């Protein structure tokens, strides 16, 4: 497993992280590791958008959409 050092963290941030770790009954190291692993497991917005684009199968023209809206209005 790799080692990660964090420098120049503000005292306020460090204090808050220690408080949150204690609330979760974790050491600061375990709490920080959990946060980092969750962040790494969460896909980025760019990745999500790329997946959506890959899965998108509808190829619609504006005219087709407007025609369908008109057909729906005539049925009402």
Protein backbone atom coordinates (compact mmCIF):
# COMPACT_ATOMS: atom_id res chain seq x y z
CA UNK A 1 0.00 0.00 0.00
CA UNK A 2 1.24 3.49 -0.82
CA UNK A 3 1.95 6.29 1.61
CA UNK A 4 0.52 9.76 1.12
CA UNK A 5 1.69 12.84 2.95
CA UNK A 6 -0.42 15.99 3.08
CA UNK A 7 1.42 19.22 3.66
CA UNK A 8 0.15 22.72 4.37
CA UNK A 9 -3.24 21.60 5.65
CA UNK A 10 -4.79 24.38 7.70
CA UNK A 11 -5.18 23.86 11.43
CA UNK A 12 -8.93 24.42 11.06
CA UNK A 13 -9.23 21.65 8.47
CA UNK A 14 -7.09 19.29 10.53
CA UNK A 15 -9.15 19.95 13.66
CA UNK A 16 -12.41 19.35 11.79
CA UNK A 17 -11.12 16.10 10.29
CA UNK A 18 -10.04 14.91 13.73
CA UNK A 19 -13.49 15.70 15.13
CA UNK A 20 -15.22 13.86 12.30
CA UNK A 21 -12.90 10.88 12.66
CA UNK A 22 -13.65 10.71 16.38
CA UNK A 23 -17.41 10.89 15.71
CA UNK A 24 -17.01 7.89 13.40
CA UNK A 25 -14.87 6.10 15.98
CA UNK A 26 -11.96 6.05 13.56
CA UNK A 27 -8.40 7.21 13.69
CA UNK A 28 -7.58 10.23 11.56
CA UNK A 29 -5.63 7.94 9.24
CA UNK A 30 -8.54 5.51 8.81
CA UNK A 31 -11.00 8.36 8.30
CA UNK A 32 -8.82 10.07 5.68
CA UNK A 33 -8.23 6.76 3.92
CA UNK A 34 -11.99 6.13 3.75
CA UNK A 35 -12.59 9.60 2.32
CA UNK A 36 -9.89 9.20 -0.31
CA UNK A 37 -11.05 5.72 -1.31
CA UNK A 38 -14.65 6.94 -1.66
CA UNK A 39 -13.48 9.85 -3.79
CA UNK A 40 -11.40 7.57 -6.00
CA UNK A 41 -14.36 5.21 -6.45
CA UNK A 42 -16.72 8.01 -7.48
CA UNK A 43 -16.65 8.57 -11.23
CA UNK A 44 -15.84 12.07 -12.41
CA UNK A 45 -18.48 14.13 -14.17
CA UNK A 46 -16.51 13.73 -17.40
CA UNK A 47 -16.59 9.93 -17.05
CA UNK A 48 -20.33 9.90 -16.36
CA UNK A 49 -21.04 12.14 -19.35
CA UNK A 50 -18.85 9.96 -21.59
CA UNK A 51 -20.77 6.85 -20.49
CA UNK A 52 -24.09 8.55 -21.15
CA UNK A 53 -22.90 9.59 -24.59
CA UNK A 54 -21.79 6.02 -25.36
CA UNK A 55 -25.17 4.61 -24.31
CA UNK A 56 -27.30 7.22 -26.04
CA UNK A 57 -28.93 5.54 -29.00
CA UNK A 58 -31.59 8.01 -30.05
CA UNK A 59 -30.68 10.04 -33.10
CA UNK A 60 -33.43 12.60 -33.43
CA UNK A 61 -33.83 15.52 -35.74
CA UNK A 62 -35.54 18.68 -34.51
CA UNK A 63 -38.27 18.29 -37.12
CA UNK A 64 -39.03 14.74 -35.93
CA UNK A 65 -39.42 15.95 -32.36
CA UNK A 66 -41.70 18.82 -33.38
CA UNK A 67 -43.83 16.49 -35.54
CA UNK A 68 -44.24 14.12 -32.61
CA UNK A 69 -45.28 16.99 -30.33
CA UNK A 70 -47.88 18.07 -32.90
CA UNK A 71 -49.22 14.50 -33.16
CA UNK A 72 -49.55 14.35 -29.38
CA UNK A 73 -51.44 17.63 -29.28
CA UNK A 74 -53.90 16.46 -31.95
CA UNK A 75 -54.73 13.37 -29.87
CA UNK A 76 -55.81 15.45 -26.87
